[in-house]
Amino acid sequence: MPTIVHLFLALVLTVFLAAQASSLAFVLRSRRAVSARSARRYTDLLWTCIPVLLVLFLAARSWVAVVDVQRPAVAATGAPARATAAPR
């Protein structure tokens, strides 16, 4: 995919992640109020965190594709890297 597509996707996912984080905070506050009256179920917390973690992974992957961390600048230009030979 082109870099501009990854940039757009990274921006959209980051904004969506911020919205999910505020929703997760609301769920955790509500859960604390309800759990005082009933038994806590940790599976509820797990199923609430799975979408947040999924969007976090996809956003991070898109940002890595935009920033291109895995390749050095020489490899990105397509020029072969020259090895410097040490004098003997």
C-alpha atoms as a PDB file:
ATOM      1  CA  MET A   1       0.000   0.000   0.000  1.00  0.00           C
ATOM      2  CA  PRO A   2       1.201   3.535  -0.596  1.00  0.00           C
ATOM      3  CA  THR A   3       2.496   5.573   2.323  1.00  0.00           C
ATOM      4  CA  ILE A   4      -0.373   8.067   2.107  1.00  0.00           C
ATOM      5  CA  VAL A   5      -2.885   5.268   2.669  1.00  0.00           C
ATOM      6  CA  HIS A   6      -0.966   4.105   5.732  1.00  0.00           C
ATOM      7  CA  LEU A   7      -0.810   7.682   7.004  1.00  0.00           C
ATOM      8  CA  PHE A   8      -4.558   8.167   6.596  1.00  0.00           C
ATOM      9  CA  LEU A   9      -5.245   4.796   8.223  1.00  0.00           C
ATOM     10  CA  ALA A  10      -2.881   5.581  11.098  1.00  0.00           C
ATOM     11  CA  LEU A  11      -4.581   8.926  11.745  1.00  0.00           C
ATOM     12  CA  VAL A  12      -8.076   7.429  11.643  1.00  0.00           C
ATOM     13  CA  LEU A  13      -7.101   4.548  13.919  1.00  0.00           C
ATOM     14  CA  THR A  14      -5.404   6.898  16.382  1.00  0.00           C
ATOM     15  CA  VAL A  15      -8.533   9.063  16.643  1.00  0.00           C
ATOM     16  CA  PHE A  16     -10.659   5.928  17.004  1.00  0.00           C
ATOM     17  CA  LEU A  17      -8.287   4.655  19.695  1.00  0.00           C
ATOM     18  CA  ALA A  18      -8.732   7.880  21.653  1.00  0.00           C
ATOM     19  CA  ALA A  19     -12.516   7.466  21.465  1.00  0.00           C
ATOM     20  CA  GLN A  20     -12.211   3.841  22.576  1.00  0.00           C
ATOM     21  CA  ALA A  21     -10.000   4.833  25.505  1.00  0.00           C
ATOM     22  CA  SER A  22     -12.629   7.235  26.815  1.00  0.00           C
ATOM     23  CA  SER A  23     -15.292   4.558  26.370  1.00  0.00           C
ATOM     24  CA  LEU A  24     -13.106   2.054  28.208  1.00  0.00           C
ATOM     25  CA  ALA A  25     -12.697   4.504  31.086  1.00  0.00           C
ATOM     26  CA  PHE A  26     -16.496   4.893  31.252  1.00  0.00           C
ATOM     27  CA  VAL A  27     -16.949   1.100  31.287  1.00  0.00           C
ATOM     28  CA  LEU A  28     -14.389   0.699  34.060  1.00  0.00           C
ATOM     29  CA  ARG A  29     -16.091   3.392  36.190  1.00  0.00           C
ATOM     30  CA  SER A  30     -19.499   1.770  35.619  1.00  0.00           C
ATOM     31  CA  ARG A  31     -18.061  -1.645  36.375  1.00  0.00           C
ATOM     32  CA  ARG A  32     -16.666  -0.374  39.674  1.00  0.00           C
ATOM     33  CA  ALA A  33     -20.096   0.965  40.675  1.00  0.00           C
ATOM     34  CA  VAL A  34     -21.879  -2.248  39.693  1.00  0.00           C
ATOM     35  CA  SER A  35     -19.254  -4.607  41.081  1.00  0.00           C
ATOM     36  CA  ALA A  36     -19.818  -3.270  44.579  1.00  0.00           C
ATOM     37  CA  ARG A  37     -23.290  -4.818  44.445  1.00  0.00           C
ATOM     38  CA  SER A  38     -22.448  -8.073  42.619  1.00  0.00           C
ATOM     39  CA  ALA A  39     -19.553 -10.436  42.000  1.00  0.00           C
ATOM     40  CA  ARG A  40     -16.818  -9.272  39.631  1.00  0.00           C
ATOM     41  CA  ARG A  41     -16.415 -11.106  36.340  1.00  0.00           C
ATOM     42  CA  TYR A  42     -12.982 -10.723  34.820  1.00  0.00           C
ATOM     43  CA  THR A  43     -14.195 -11.976  31.430  1.00  0.00           C
ATOM     44  CA  ASP A  44     -16.178  -8.747  31.059  1.00  0.00           C
ATOM     45  CA  LEU A  45     -12.973  -6.767  31.371  1.00  0.00           C
ATOM     46  CA  LEU A  46     -11.223  -9.077  28.906  1.00  0.00           C
ATOM     47  CA  TRP A  47     -13.935  -8.700  26.262  1.00  0.00           C
ATOM     48  CA  THR A  48     -13.909  -4.950  26.774  1.00  0.00           C
ATOM     49  CA  CYS A  49     -10.133  -4.674  26.287  1.00  0.00           C
ATOM     50  CA  ILE A  50      -9.856  -6.890  23.183  1.00  0.00           C
ATOM     51  CA  PRO A  51     -11.138  -4.243  20.701  1.00  0.00           C
ATOM     52  CA  VAL A  52      -8.890  -1.597  22.262  1.00  0.00           C
ATOM     53  CA  LEU A  53      -5.837  -3.830  21.931  1.00  0.00           C
ATOM     54  CA  LEU A  54      -6.739  -4.732  18.354  1.00  0.00           C
ATOM     55  CA  VAL A  55      -7.031  -1.079  17.297  1.00  0.00           C
ATOM     56  CA  LEU A  56      -3.820  -0.273  19.181  1.00  0.00           C
ATOM     57  CA  PHE A  57      -1.982  -3.008  17.249  1.00  0.00           C
ATOM     58  CA  LEU A  58      -3.339  -1.856  13.885  1.00  0.00           C
ATOM     59  CA  ALA A  59      -2.558   1.809  14.597  1.00  0.00           C
ATOM     60  CA  ALA A  60       0.990   0.964  15.686  1.00  0.00           C
ATOM     61  CA  ARG A  61       1.493  -1.154  12.576  1.00  0.00           C
ATOM     62  CA  SER A  62       0.316   1.693  10.338  1.00  0.00           C
ATOM     63  CA  TRP A  63       2.528   4.237  12.107  1.00  0.00           C
ATOM     64  CA  VAL A  64       5.531   1.919  11.673  1.00  0.00           C
ATOM     65  CA  ALA A  65       4.725   1.657   7.964  1.00  0.00           C
ATOM     66  CA  VAL A  66       4.518   5.458   7.685  1.00  0.00           C
ATOM     67  CA  VAL A  67       7.689   6.177   9.639  1.00  0.00           C
ATOM     68  CA  ASP A  68       9.454   3.167   8.055  1.00  0.00           C
ATOM     69  CA  VAL A  69      11.421   2.227  11.150  1.00  0.00           C
ATOM     70  CA  GLN A  70      12.448  -1.226   9.990  1.00  0.00           C
ATOM     71  CA  ARG A  71      14.656  -0.002   7.091  1.00  0.00           C
ATOM     72  CA  PRO A  72      17.519   2.466   7.329  1.00  0.00           C
ATOM     73  CA  ALA A  73      17.575   5.468   5.012  1.00  0.00           C
ATOM     74  CA  VAL A  74      20.190   3.921   2.706  1.00  0.00           C
ATOM     75  CA  ALA A  75      17.989   0.892   2.070  1.00  0.00           C
ATOM     76  CA  ALA A  76      15.011   3.129   1.335  1.00  0.00           C
ATOM     77  CA  THR A  77      16.854   4.878  -1.520  1.00  0.00           C
ATOM     78  CA  GLY A  78      17.679   1.630  -3.255  1.00  0.00           C
ATOM     79  CA  ALA A  79      21.402   2.414  -3.407  1.00  0.00           C
ATOM     80  CA  PRO A  80      23.705  -0.406  -2.375  1.00  0.00           C
ATOM     81  CA  ALA A  81      25.501   0.205   0.862  1.00  0.00           C
ATOM     82  CA  ARG A  82      29.283   0.386   0.607  1.00  0.00           C
ATOM     83  CA  ALA A  83      31.292  -1.489   3.151  1.00  0.00           C
ATOM     84  CA  THR A  84      34.377   0.329   4.334  1.00  0.00           C
ATOM     85  CA  ALA A  85      37.400  -1.917   4.424  1.00  0.00           C
ATOM     86  CA  ALA A  86      39.736  -1.495   7.337  1.00  0.00           C
ATOM     87  CA  PRO A  87      43.412  -1.126   6.388  1.00  0.00           C
ATOM     88  CA  ARG A  88      45.526  -4.162   7.223  1.00  0.00           C
END
